Amino acid sequence: MIRFIKYDGRQPRLVTVPRWAIGLGLVAAFLVGLLVLTLAFGIALVAVPVLLVAGGIAAWIGRGKALGGRGNVAPRPGTAQDPFRPRRPGEREIIDVEYRVVDRDEPR
């Protein structure tokens, strides 16, 4: 038997626990863990194929819509949309920006 001191309020009390009760508690904890693991595996066994099929359908339906109907993301080298092409003389790129100064004392 295992003995330990339990405090109820202010006075201590000696409690004894038999070894079979500790073993039974360990077996119960192991079985609960095994049950949780089995449930998680069962849910994953159903959810993973469903999510893969749904992702495939979403990719097939939404194919090209995010790109405005274009199938290629990067512009072809040398075209006007290519950001790495050298600029021609006299060609300018204008960036229009709007800004304001925020004062620390200004309420938000």
PDB file of N, CA and C in Angstrom:
ATOM      1  N   MET A   1       0.833  -1.178   0.000  1.00  0.00           N
ATOM      2  CA  MET A   1       0.000   0.000   0.000  1.00  0.00           C
ATOM      3  C   MET A   1       0.880   1.245   0.000  1.00  0.00           C
ATOM      4  N   ILE A   2       0.384   2.233  -0.672  1.00  0.00           N
ATOM      5  CA  ILE A   2       1.093   3.503  -0.720  1.00  0.00           C
ATOM      6  C   ILE A   2       0.362   4.467   0.186  1.00  0.00           C
ATOM      7  N   ARG A   3       1.121   5.171   0.982  1.00  0.00           N
ATOM      8  CA  ARG A   3       0.544   6.122   1.927  1.00  0.00           C
ATOM      9  C   ARG A   3       0.985   7.528   1.552  1.00  0.00           C
ATOM     10  N   PHE A   4       0.049   8.461   1.639  1.00  0.00           N
ATOM     11  CA  PHE A   4       0.408   9.859   1.453  1.00  0.00           C
ATOM     12  C   PHE A   4      -0.475  10.705   2.357  1.00  0.00           C
ATOM     13  N   ILE A   5      -0.032  11.930   2.574  1.00  0.00           N
ATOM     14  CA  ILE A   5      -0.728  12.829   3.479  1.00  0.00           C
ATOM     15  C   ILE A   5      -1.589  13.780   2.654  1.00  0.00           C
ATOM     16  N   LYS A   6      -2.865  13.833   3.028  1.00  0.00           N
ATOM     17  CA  LYS A   6      -3.814  14.712   2.366  1.00  0.00           C
ATOM     18  C   LYS A   6      -4.242  15.766   3.368  1.00  0.00           C
ATOM     19  N   TYR A   7      -4.225  17.020   2.932  1.00  0.00           N
ATOM     20  CA  TYR A   7      -4.594  18.109   3.827  1.00  0.00           C
ATOM     21  C   TYR A   7      -6.036  18.533   3.534  1.00  0.00           C
ATOM     22  N   ASP A   8      -6.910  18.372   4.521  1.00  0.00           N
ATOM     23  CA  ASP A   8      -8.286  18.851   4.451  1.00  0.00           C
ATOM     24  C   ASP A   8      -8.388  20.082   5.328  1.00  0.00           C
ATOM     25  N   GLY A   9      -8.317  21.233   4.711  1.00  0.00           N
ATOM     26  CA  GLY A   9      -8.344  22.455   5.513  1.00  0.00           C
ATOM     27  C   GLY A   9      -7.037  22.613   6.250  1.00  0.00           C
ATOM     28  N   ARG A  10      -7.114  22.495   7.590  1.00  0.00           N
ATOM     29  CA  ARG A  10      -5.899  22.704   8.403  1.00  0.00           C
ATOM     30  C   ARG A  10      -5.302  21.420   8.938  1.00  0.00           C
ATOM     31  N   GLN A  11      -6.080  20.364   9.021  1.00  0.00           N
ATOM     32  CA  GLN A  11      -5.524  19.148   9.633  1.00  0.00           C
ATOM     33  C   GLN A  11      -5.154  18.113   8.566  1.00  0.00           C
ATOM     34  N   PRO A  12      -3.960  17.548   8.702  1.00  0.00           N
ATOM     35  CA  PRO A  12      -3.533  16.525   7.743  1.00  0.00           C
ATOM     36  C   PRO A  12      -4.208  15.189   8.043  1.00  0.00           C
ATOM     37  N   ARG A  13      -4.350  14.372   6.989  1.00  0.00           N
ATOM     38  CA  ARG A  13      -4.951  13.058   7.145  1.00  0.00           C
ATOM     39  C   ARG A  13      -4.126  12.059   6.357  1.00  0.00           C
ATOM     40  N   LEU A  14      -3.839  10.937   6.927  1.00  0.00           N
ATOM     41  CA  LEU A  14      -3.064   9.887   6.270  1.00  0.00           C
ATOM     42  C   LEU A  14      -4.011   9.031   5.439  1.00  0.00           C
ATOM     43  N   VAL A  15      -3.709   8.926   4.137  1.00  0.00           N
ATOM     44  CA  VAL A  15      -4.541   8.156   3.223  1.00  0.00           C
ATOM     45  C   VAL A  15      -3.695   7.028   2.658  1.00  0.00           C
ATOM     46  N   THR A  16      -4.274   5.838   2.584  1.00  0.00           N
ATOM     47  CA  THR A  16      -3.569   4.703   1.984  1.00  0.00           C
ATOM     48  C   THR A  16      -4.307   4.265   0.730  1.00  0.00           C
ATOM     49  N   VAL A  17      -3.527   3.976  -0.299  1.00  0.00           N
ATOM     50  CA  VAL A  17      -4.084   3.525  -1.569  1.00  0.00           C
ATOM     51  C   VAL A  17      -3.478   2.163  -1.877  1.00  0.00           C
ATOM     52  N   PRO A  18      -4.310   1.159  -2.112  1.00  0.00           N
ATOM     53  CA  PRO A  18      -3.758  -0.168  -2.427  1.00  0.00           C
ATOM     54  C   PRO A  18      -3.118  -0.181  -3.824  1.00  0.00           C
ATOM     55  N   ARG A  19      -2.184  -1.097  -4.014  1.00  0.00           N
ATOM     56  CA  ARG A  19      -1.465  -1.179  -5.285  1.00  0.00           C
ATOM     57  C   ARG A  19      -2.399  -1.531  -6.442  1.00  0.00           C
ATOM     58  N   TRP A  20      -3.384  -2.356  -6.212  1.00  0.00           N
ATOM     59  CA  TRP A  20      -4.293  -2.725  -7.290  1.00  0.00           C
ATOM     60  C   TRP A  20      -5.075  -1.505  -7.791  1.00  0.00           C
ATOM     61  N   ALA A  21      -5.379  -0.547  -6.898  1.00  0.00           N
ATOM     62  CA  ALA A  21      -6.108   0.651  -7.314  1.00  0.00           C
ATOM     63  C   ALA A  21      -5.227   1.538  -8.194  1.00  0.00           C
ATOM     64  N   ILE A  22      -3.934   1.605  -7.861  1.00  0.00           N
ATOM     65  CA  ILE A  22      -3.008   2.385  -8.686  1.00  0.00           C
ATOM     66  C   ILE A  22      -2.849   1.726 -10.052  1.00  0.00           C
ATOM     67  N   GLY A  23      -2.713   0.411 -10.073  1.00  0.00           N
ATOM     68  CA  GLY A  23      -2.619  -0.318 -11.343  1.00  0.00           C
ATOM     69  C   GLY A  23      -3.876  -0.158 -12.179  1.00  0.00           C
ATOM     70  N   LEU A  24      -5.032  -0.210 -11.528  1.00  0.00           N
ATOM     71  CA  LEU A  24      -6.295  -0.034 -12.238  1.00  0.00           C
ATOM     72  C   LEU A  24      -6.401   1.374 -12.820  1.00  0.00           C
ATOM     73  N   GLY A  25      -5.929   2.367 -12.082  1.00  0.00           N
ATOM     74  CA  GLY A  25      -5.933   3.745 -12.589  1.00  0.00           C
ATOM     75  C   GLY A  25      -5.014   3.908 -13.789  1.00  0.00           C
ATOM     76  N   LEU A  26      -3.838   3.278 -13.748  1.00  0.00           N
ATOM     77  CA  LEU A  26      -2.910   3.345 -14.882  1.00  0.00           C
ATOM     78  C   LEU A  26      -3.479   2.654 -16.118  1.00  0.00           C
ATOM     79  N   VAL A  27      -4.111   1.501 -15.933  1.00  0.00           N
ATOM     80  CA  VAL A  27      -4.719   0.793 -17.060  1.00  0.00           C
ATOM     81  C   VAL A  27      -5.859   1.627 -17.647  1.00  0.00           C
ATOM     82  N   ALA A  28      -6.668   2.259 -16.778  1.00  0.00           N
ATOM     83  CA  ALA A  28      -7.771   3.096 -17.257  1.00  0.00           C
ATOM     84  C   ALA A  28      -7.229   4.295 -18.041  1.00  0.00           C
ATOM     85  N   ALA A  29      -6.157   4.928 -17.559  1.00  0.00           N
ATOM     86  CA  ALA A  29      -5.571   6.065 -18.267  1.00  0.00           C
ATOM     87  C   ALA A  29      -5.024   5.629 -19.627  1.00  0.00           C
ATOM     88  N   PHE A  30      -4.405   4.473 -19.680  1.00  0.00           N
ATOM     89  CA  PHE A  30      -3.890   3.952 -20.947  1.00  0.00           C
ATOM     90  C   PHE A  30      -5.021   3.679 -21.932  1.00  0.00           C
ATOM     91  N   LEU A  31      -6.110   3.091 -21.450  1.00  0.00           N
ATOM     92  CA  LEU A  31      -7.231   2.782 -22.329  1.00  0.00           C
ATOM     93  C   LEU A  31      -7.930   4.049 -22.827  1.00  0.00           C
ATOM     94  N   VAL A  32      -8.017   5.070 -21.989  1.00  0.00           N
ATOM     95  CA  VAL A  32      -8.614   6.328 -22.430  1.00  0.00           C
ATOM     96  C   VAL A  32      -7.729   6.965 -23.502  1.00  0.00           C
ATOM     97  N   GLY A  33      -6.416   6.938 -23.320  1.00  0.00           N
ATOM     98  CA  GLY A  33      -5.502   7.465 -24.333  1.00  0.00           C
ATOM     99  C   GLY A  33      -5.612   6.697 -25.638  1.00  0.00           C
ATOM    100  N   LEU A  34      -5.727   5.380 -25.559  1.00  0.00           N
ATOM    101  CA  LEU A  34      -5.890   4.558 -26.753  1.00  0.00           C
ATOM    102  C   LEU A  34      -7.213   4.864 -27.456  1.00  0.00           C
ATOM    103  N   LEU A  35      -8.269   5.106 -26.678  1.00  0.00           N
ATOM    104  CA  LEU A  35      -9.562   5.470 -27.253  1.00  0.00           C
ATOM    105  C   LEU A  35      -9.495   6.808 -27.987  1.00  0.00           C
ATOM    106  N   VAL A  36      -8.836   7.783 -27.397  1.00  0.00           N
ATOM    107  CA  VAL A  36      -8.697   9.094 -28.043  1.00  0.00           C
ATOM    108  C   VAL A  36      -7.885   8.970 -29.331  1.00  0.00           C
ATOM    109  N   LEU A  37      -6.817   8.201 -29.287  1.00  0.00           N
ATOM    110  CA  LEU A  37      -5.996   7.984 -30.476  1.00  0.00           C
ATOM    111  C   LEU A  37      -6.786   7.283 -31.584  1.00  0.00           C
ATOM    112  N   THR A  38      -7.587   6.304 -31.225  1.00  0.00           N
ATOM    113  CA  THR A  38      -8.408   5.588 -32.201  1.00  0.00           C
ATOM    114  C   THR A  38      -9.453   6.507 -32.824  1.00  0.00           C
ATOM    115  N   LEU A  39     -10.086   7.345 -31.993  1.00  0.00           N
ATOM    116  CA  LEU A  39     -11.072   8.286 -32.524  1.00  0.00           C
ATOM    117  C   LEU A  39     -10.425   9.298 -33.461  1.00  0.00           C
ATOM    118  N   ALA A  40      -9.257   9.803 -33.104  1.00  0.00           N
ATOM    119  CA  ALA A  40      -8.572  10.768 -33.964  1.00  0.00           C
ATOM    120  C   ALA A  40      -8.178  10.124 -35.296  1.00  0.00           C
ATOM    121  N   PHE A  41      -7.728   8.881 -35.256  1.00  0.00           N
ATOM    122  CA  PHE A  41      -7.368   8.183 -36.488  1.00  0.00           C
ATOM    123  C   PHE A  41      -8.604   7.941 -37.350  1.00  0.00           C
ATOM    124  N   GLY A  42      -9.712   7.589 -36.749  1.00  0.00           N
ATOM    125  CA  GLY A  42     -10.950   7.363 -37.497  1.00  0.00           C
ATOM    126  C   GLY A  42     -11.453   8.633 -38.163  1.00  0.00           C
ATOM    127  N   ILE A  43     -11.376   9.750 -37.434  1.00  0.00           N
ATOM    128  CA  ILE A  43     -11.803  11.025 -38.018  1.00  0.00           C
ATOM    129  C   ILE A  43     -10.876  11.412 -39.167  1.00  0.00           C
ATOM    130  N   ALA A  44      -9.573  11.226 -38.982  1.00  0.00           N
ATOM    131  CA  ALA A  44      -8.612  11.549 -40.048  1.00  0.00           C
ATOM    132  C   ALA A  44      -8.813  10.649 -41.266  1.00  0.00           C
ATOM    133  N   LEU A  45      -9.193   9.407 -41.014  1.00  0.00           N
ATOM    134  CA  LEU A  45      -9.414   8.464 -42.110  1.00  0.00           C
ATOM    135  C   LEU A  45     -10.580   8.899 -42.988  1.00  0.00           C
ATOM    136  N   VAL A  46     -11.551   9.575 -42.409  1.00  0.00           N
ATOM    137  CA  VAL A  46     -12.689  10.073 -43.173  1.00  0.00           C
ATOM    138  C   VAL A  46     -12.409  11.473 -43.725  1.00  0.00           C
ATOM    139  N   ALA A  47     -11.791  12.340 -42.912  1.00  0.00           N
ATOM    140  CA  ALA A  47     -11.642  13.758 -43.270  1.00  0.00           C
ATOM    141  C   ALA A  47     -10.592  13.987 -44.358  1.00  0.00           C
ATOM    142  N   VAL A  48      -9.492  13.265 -44.335  1.00  0.00           N
ATOM    143  CA  VAL A  48      -8.409  13.519 -45.293  1.00  0.00           C
ATOM    144  C   VAL A  48      -8.856  13.275 -46.738  1.00  0.00           C
ATOM    145  N   PRO A  49      -9.492  12.162 -47.074  1.00  0.00           N
ATOM    146  CA  PRO A  49      -9.942  12.005 -48.464  1.00  0.00           C
ATOM    147  C   PRO A  49     -10.997  13.034 -48.870  1.00  0.00           C
ATOM    148  N   VAL A  50     -11.894  13.383 -47.943  1.00  0.00           N
ATOM    149  CA  VAL A  50     -12.915  14.387 -48.258  1.00  0.00           C
ATOM    150  C   VAL A  50     -12.248  15.727 -48.566  1.00  0.00           C
ATOM    151  N   LEU A  51     -11.273  16.117 -47.759  1.00  0.00           N
ATOM    152  CA  LEU A  51     -10.578  17.384 -47.990  1.00  0.00           C
ATOM    153  C   LEU A  51      -9.753  17.355 -49.275  1.00  0.00           C
ATOM    154  N   LEU A  52      -9.146  16.231 -49.586  1.00  0.00           N
ATOM    155  CA  LEU A  52      -8.384  16.132 -50.833  1.00  0.00           C
ATOM    156  C   LEU A  52      -9.294  16.248 -52.055  1.00  0.00           C
ATOM    157  N   VAL A  53     -10.445  15.595 -52.012  1.00  0.00           N
ATOM    158  CA  VAL A  53     -11.387  15.684 -53.129  1.00  0.00           C
ATOM    159  C   VAL A  53     -11.931  17.101 -53.243  1.00  0.00           C
ATOM    160  N   ALA A  54     -12.293  17.713 -52.112  1.00  0.00           N
ATOM    161  CA  ALA A  54     -12.825  19.077 -52.142  1.00  0.00           C
ATOM    162  C   ALA A  54     -11.769  20.064 -52.641  1.00  0.00           C
ATOM    163  N   GLY A  55     -10.519  19.891 -52.244  1.00  0.00           N
ATOM    164  CA  GLY A  55      -9.450  20.755 -52.740  1.00  0.00           C
ATOM    165  C   GLY A  55      -9.215  20.580 -54.226  1.00  0.00           C
ATOM    166  N   GLY A  56      -9.288  19.344 -54.700  1.00  0.00           N
ATOM    167  CA  GLY A  56      -9.130  19.093 -56.135  1.00  0.00           C
ATOM    168  C   GLY A  56     -10.253  19.712 -56.945  1.00  0.00           C
ATOM    169  N   ILE A  57     -11.479  19.595 -56.447  1.00  0.00           N
ATOM    170  CA  ILE A  57     -12.616  20.197 -57.141  1.00  0.00           C
ATOM    171  C   ILE A  57     -12.499  21.717 -57.142  1.00  0.00           C
ATOM    172  N   ALA A  58     -12.108  22.296 -56.003  1.00  0.00           N
ATOM    173  CA  ALA A  58     -11.951  23.752 -55.918  1.00  0.00           C
ATOM    174  C   ALA A  58     -10.854  24.241 -56.850  1.00  0.00           C
ATOM    175  N   ALA A  59      -9.766  23.495 -56.953  1.00  0.00           N
ATOM    176  CA  ALA A  59      -8.684  23.889 -57.849  1.00  0.00           C
ATOM    177  C   ALA A  59      -9.113  23.762 -59.313  1.00  0.00           C
ATOM    178  N   TRP A  60      -9.915  22.737 -59.616  1.00  0.00           N
ATOM    179  CA  TRP A  60     -10.368  22.540 -60.990  1.00  0.00           C
ATOM    180  C   TRP A  60     -11.377  23.608 -61.389  1.00  0.00           C
ATOM    181  N   ILE A  61     -12.299  23.952 -60.469  1.00  0.00           N
ATOM    182  CA  ILE A  61     -13.316  24.961 -60.777  1.00  0.00           C
ATOM    183  C   ILE A  61     -12.690  26.348 -60.827  1.00  0.00           C
ATOM    184  N   GLY A  62     -11.812  26.658 -59.885  1.00  0.00           N
ATOM    185  CA  GLY A  62     -11.242  27.992 -59.813  1.00  0.00           C
ATOM    186  C   GLY A  62     -10.002  28.190 -60.645  1.00  0.00           C
ATOM    187  N   ARG A  63      -9.706  27.251 -61.518  1.00  0.00           N
ATOM    188  CA  ARG A  63      -8.499  27.304 -62.342  1.00  0.00           C
ATOM    189  C   ARG A  63      -8.518  28.522 -63.256  1.00  0.00           C
ATOM    190  N   GLY A  64      -7.545  29.412 -63.102  1.00  0.00           N
ATOM    191  CA  GLY A  64      -7.405  30.548 -63.983  1.00  0.00           C
ATOM    192  C   GLY A  64      -8.243  31.755 -63.610  1.00  0.00           C
ATOM    193  N   LYS A  65      -9.185  31.621 -62.684  1.00  0.00           N
ATOM    194  CA  LYS A  65     -10.027  32.754 -62.335  1.00  0.00           C
ATOM    195  C   LYS A  65      -9.265  33.793 -61.520  1.00  0.00           C
ATOM    196  N   ALA A  66      -8.357  33.349 -60.676  1.00  0.00           N
ATOM    197  CA  ALA A  66      -7.583  34.289 -59.874  1.00  0.00           C
ATOM    198  C   ALA A  66      -6.595  35.067 -60.730  1.00  0.00           C
ATOM    199  N   LEU A  67      -6.257  34.565 -61.885  1.00  0.00           N
ATOM    200  CA  LEU A  67      -5.291  35.222 -62.750  1.00  0.00           C
ATOM    201  C   LEU A  67      -5.967  36.039 -63.840  1.00  0.00           C
ATOM    202  N   GLY A  68      -7.260  36.229 -63.740  1.00  0.00           N
ATOM    203  CA  GLY A  68      -7.980  36.995 -64.757  1.00  0.00           C
ATOM    204  C   GLY A  68      -8.092  36.249 -66.065  1.00  0.00           C
ATOM    205  N   GLY A  69      -8.152  34.935 -66.013  1.00  0.00           N
ATOM    206  CA  GLY A  69      -8.281  34.151 -67.227  1.00  0.00           C
ATOM    207  C   GLY A  69      -6.946  33.789 -67.851  1.00  0.00           C
ATOM    208  N   ARG A  70      -5.854  34.355 -67.351  1.00  0.00           N
ATOM    209  CA  ARG A  70      -4.532  34.019 -67.894  1.00  0.00           C
ATOM    210  C   ARG A  70      -4.057  32.730 -67.240  1.00  0.00           C
ATOM    211  N   GLY A  71      -3.448  31.889 -67.999  1.00  0.00           N
ATOM    212  CA  GLY A  71      -2.947  30.645 -67.458  1.00  0.00           C
ATOM    213  C   GLY A  71      -1.546  30.761 -66.895  1.00  0.00           C
ATOM    214  N   ASN A  72      -0.826  31.819 -67.255  1.00  0.00           N
ATOM    215  CA  ASN A  72       0.556  31.972 -66.831  1.00  0.00           C
ATOM    216  C   ASN A  72       0.650  33.137 -65.855  1.00  0.00           C
ATOM    217  N   VAL A  73       1.363  32.954 -64.771  1.00  0.00           N
ATOM    218  CA  VAL A  73       1.471  34.005 -63.761  1.00  0.00           C
ATOM    219  C   VAL A  73       2.507  35.044 -64.178  1.00  0.00           C
ATOM    220  N   ALA A  74       3.667  34.606 -64.589  1.00  0.00           N
ATOM    221  CA  ALA A  74       4.759  35.525 -64.913  1.00  0.00           C
ATOM    222  C   ALA A  74       4.603  36.045 -66.345  1.00  0.00           C
ATOM    223  N   PRO A  75       4.864  37.338 -66.552  1.00  0.00           N
ATOM    224  CA  PRO A  75       4.819  37.854 -67.915  1.00  0.00           C
ATOM    225  C   PRO A  75       6.010  37.343 -68.718  1.00  0.00           C
ATOM    226  N   ARG A  76       5.844  37.315 -70.007  1.00  0.00           N
ATOM    227  CA  ARG A  76       6.935  36.840 -70.856  1.00  0.00           C
ATOM    228  C   ARG A  76       8.072  37.844 -70.837  1.00  0.00           C
ATOM    229  N   PRO A  77       9.306  37.361 -70.856  1.00  0.00           N
ATOM    230  CA  PRO A  77      10.439  38.275 -70.845  1.00  0.00           C
ATOM    231  C   PRO A  77      10.446  39.176 -72.066  1.00  0.00           C
ATOM    232  N   GLY A  78      10.735  40.463 -71.834  1.00  0.00           N
ATOM    233  CA  GLY A  78      10.834  41.416 -72.927  1.00  0.00           C
ATOM    234  C   GLY A  78       9.539  42.143 -73.228  1.00  0.00           C
ATOM    235  N   THR A  79       8.407  41.703 -72.661  1.00  0.00           N
ATOM    236  CA  THR A  79       7.142  42.397 -72.904  1.00  0.00           C
ATOM    237  C   THR A  79       7.034  43.602 -71.984  1.00  0.00           C
ATOM    238  N   ALA A  80       6.007  44.405 -72.199  1.00  0.00           N
ATOM    239  CA  ALA A  80       5.837  45.637 -71.432  1.00  0.00           C
ATOM    240  C   ALA A  80       5.562  45.344 -69.957  1.00  0.00           C
ATOM    241  N   GLN A  81       5.010  44.190 -69.636  1.00  0.00           N
ATOM    242  CA  GLN A  81       4.708  43.873 -68.240  1.00  0.00           C
ATOM    243  C   GLN A  81       5.899  43.301 -67.488  1.00  0.00           C
ATOM    244  N   ASP A  82       6.970  43.000 -68.163  1.00  0.00           N
ATOM    245  CA  ASP A  82       8.142  42.419 -67.514  1.00  0.00           C
ATOM    246  C   ASP A  82       8.849  43.486 -66.683  1.00  0.00           C
ATOM    247  N   PRO A  83       8.932  43.337 -65.349  1.00  0.00           N
ATOM    248  CA  PRO A  83       9.552  44.371 -64.521  1.00  0.00           C
ATOM    249  C   PRO A  83      11.072  44.397 -64.632  1.00  0.00           C
ATOM    250  N   PHE A  84      11.677  43.371 -65.203  1.00  0.00           N
ATOM    251  CA  PHE A  84      13.135  43.310 -65.269  1.00  0.00           C
ATOM    252  C   PHE A  84      13.709  43.747 -66.613  1.00  0.00           C
ATOM    253  N   ARG A  85      12.857  44.137 -67.540  1.00  0.00           N
ATOM    254  CA  ARG A  85      13.384  44.539 -68.836  1.00  0.00           C
ATOM    255  C   ARG A  85      14.006  45.931 -68.719  1.00  0.00           C
ATOM    256  N   PRO A  86      15.017  46.211 -69.513  1.00  0.00           N
ATOM    257  CA  PRO A  86      15.627  47.555 -69.460  1.00  0.00           C
ATOM    258  C   PRO A  86      14.665  48.599 -70.006  1.00  0.00           C
ATOM    259  N   ARG A  87      14.700  49.790 -69.414  1.00  0.00           N
ATOM    260  CA  ARG A  87      13.825  50.873 -69.872  1.00  0.00           C
ATOM    261  C   ARG A  87      14.401  51.524 -71.126  1.00  0.00           C
ATOM    262  N   ARG A  88      13.471  51.915 -71.957  1.00  0.00           N
ATOM    263  CA  ARG A  88      13.876  52.644 -73.151  1.00  0.00           C
ATOM    264  C   ARG A  88      14.151  54.088 -72.761  1.00  0.00           C
ATOM    265  N   PRO A  89      14.983  54.784 -73.492  1.00  0.00           N
ATOM    266  CA  PRO A  89      15.242  56.188 -73.169  1.00  0.00           C
ATOM    267  C   PRO A  89      13.948  57.007 -73.275  1.00  0.00           C
ATOM    268  N   GLY A  90      13.701  57.819 -72.271  1.00  0.00           N
ATOM    269  CA  GLY A  90      12.518  58.661 -72.255  1.00  0.00           C
ATOM    270  C   GLY A  90      11.301  57.988 -71.635  1.00  0.00           C
ATOM    271  N   GLU A  91      11.390  56.701 -71.347  1.00  0.00           N
ATOM    272  CA  GLU A  91      10.265  55.997 -70.742  1.00  0.00           C
ATOM    273  C   GLU A  91      10.319  56.191 -69.229  1.00  0.00           C
ATOM    274  N   ARG A  92       9.186  56.588 -68.643  1.00  0.00           N
ATOM    275  CA  ARG A  92       9.140  56.822 -67.202  1.00  0.00           C
ATOM    276  C   ARG A  92       8.079  55.931 -66.571  1.00  0.00           C
ATOM    277  N   GLU A  93       8.308  55.624 -65.317  1.00  0.00           N
ATOM    278  CA  GLU A  93       7.309  54.896 -64.553  1.00  0.00           C
ATOM    279  C   GLU A  93       6.851  55.816 -63.430  1.00  0.00           C
ATOM    280  N   ILE A  94       5.574  56.078 -63.368  1.00  0.00           N
ATOM    281  CA  ILE A  94       5.036  56.998 -62.377  1.00  0.00           C
ATOM    282  C   ILE A  94       4.329  56.197 -61.298  1.00  0.00           C
ATOM    283  N   ILE A  95       4.713  56.488 -60.070  1.00  0.00           N
ATOM    284  CA  ILE A  95       4.070  55.862 -58.922  1.00  0.00           C
ATOM    285  C   ILE A  95       3.311  56.949 -58.190  1.00  0.00           C
ATOM    286  N   ASP A  96       1.999  56.831 -58.123  1.00  0.00           N
ATOM    287  CA  ASP A  96       1.159  57.825 -57.473  1.00  0.00           C
ATOM    288  C   ASP A  96       0.905  57.370 -56.043  1.00  0.00           C
ATOM    289  N   VAL A  97       1.213  58.231 -55.074  1.00  0.00           N
ATOM    290  CA  VAL A  97       1.096  57.866 -53.667  1.00  0.00           C
ATOM    291  C   VAL A  97       0.308  58.939 -52.938  1.00  0.00           C
ATOM    292  N   GLU A  98      -0.505  58.498 -51.988  1.00  0.00           N
ATOM    293  CA  GLU A  98      -1.237  59.423 -51.139  1.00  0.00           C
ATOM    294  C   GLU A  98      -0.724  59.226 -49.718  1.00  0.00           C
ATOM    295  N   TYR A  99      -0.429  60.305 -49.026  1.00  0.00           N
ATOM    296  CA  TYR A  99       0.072  60.159 -47.662  1.00  0.00           C
ATOM    297  C   TYR A  99      -0.427  61.308 -46.814  1.00  0.00           C
ATOM    298  N   ARG A 100      -0.331  61.121 -45.489  1.00  0.00           N
ATOM    299  CA  ARG A 100      -0.628  62.198 -44.546  1.00  0.00           C
ATOM    300  C   ARG A 100       0.253  62.005 -43.331  1.00  0.00           C
ATOM    301  N   VAL A 101       0.539  63.096 -42.646  1.00  0.00           N
ATOM    302  CA  VAL A 101       1.383  63.061 -41.457  1.00  0.00           C
ATOM    303  C   VAL A 101       0.477  62.823 -40.258  1.00  0.00           C
ATOM    304  N   VAL A 102       0.818  61.820 -39.463  1.00  0.00           N
ATOM    305  CA  VAL A 102       0.038  61.507 -38.277  1.00  0.00           C
ATOM    306  C   VAL A 102       0.796  62.043 -37.076  1.00  0.00           C
ATOM    307  N   ASP A 103       0.160  62.923 -36.347  1.00  0.00           N
ATOM    308  CA  ASP A 103       0.763  63.521 -35.168  1.00  0.00           C
ATOM    309  C   ASP A 103       0.496  62.600 -33.964  1.00  0.00           C
ATOM    310  N   ARG A 104       1.454  62.498 -33.060  1.00  0.00           N
ATOM    311  CA  ARG A 104       1.277  61.639 -31.901  1.00  0.00           C
ATOM    312  C   ARG A 104       0.142  62.115 -30.999  1.00  0.00           C
ATOM    313  N   ASP A 105      -0.093  63.414 -30.952  1.00  0.00           N
ATOM    314  CA  ASP A 105      -1.131  63.962 -30.077  1.00  0.00           C
ATOM    315  C   ASP A 105      -2.519  63.875 -30.709  1.00  0.00           C
ATOM    316  N   GLU A 106      -2.598  63.559 -31.969  1.00  0.00           N
ATOM    317  CA  GLU A 106      -3.870  63.500 -32.673  1.00  0.00           C
ATOM    318  C   GLU A 106      -4.653  62.260 -32.245  1.00  0.00           C
ATOM    319  N   PRO A 107      -5.937  62.408 -31.863  1.00  0.00           N
ATOM    320  CA  PRO A 107      -6.712  61.215 -31.477  1.00  0.00           C
ATOM    321  C   PRO A 107      -6.980  60.349 -32.698  1.00  0.00           C
ATOM    322  N   ARG A 108      -7.031  59.077 -32.465  1.00  0.00           N
ATOM    323  CA  ARG A 108      -7.240  58.142 -33.572  1.00  0.00           C
ATOM    324  C   ARG A 108      -8.670  57.944 -33.872  1.00  0.00           C
TER     325      ARG A 108
END
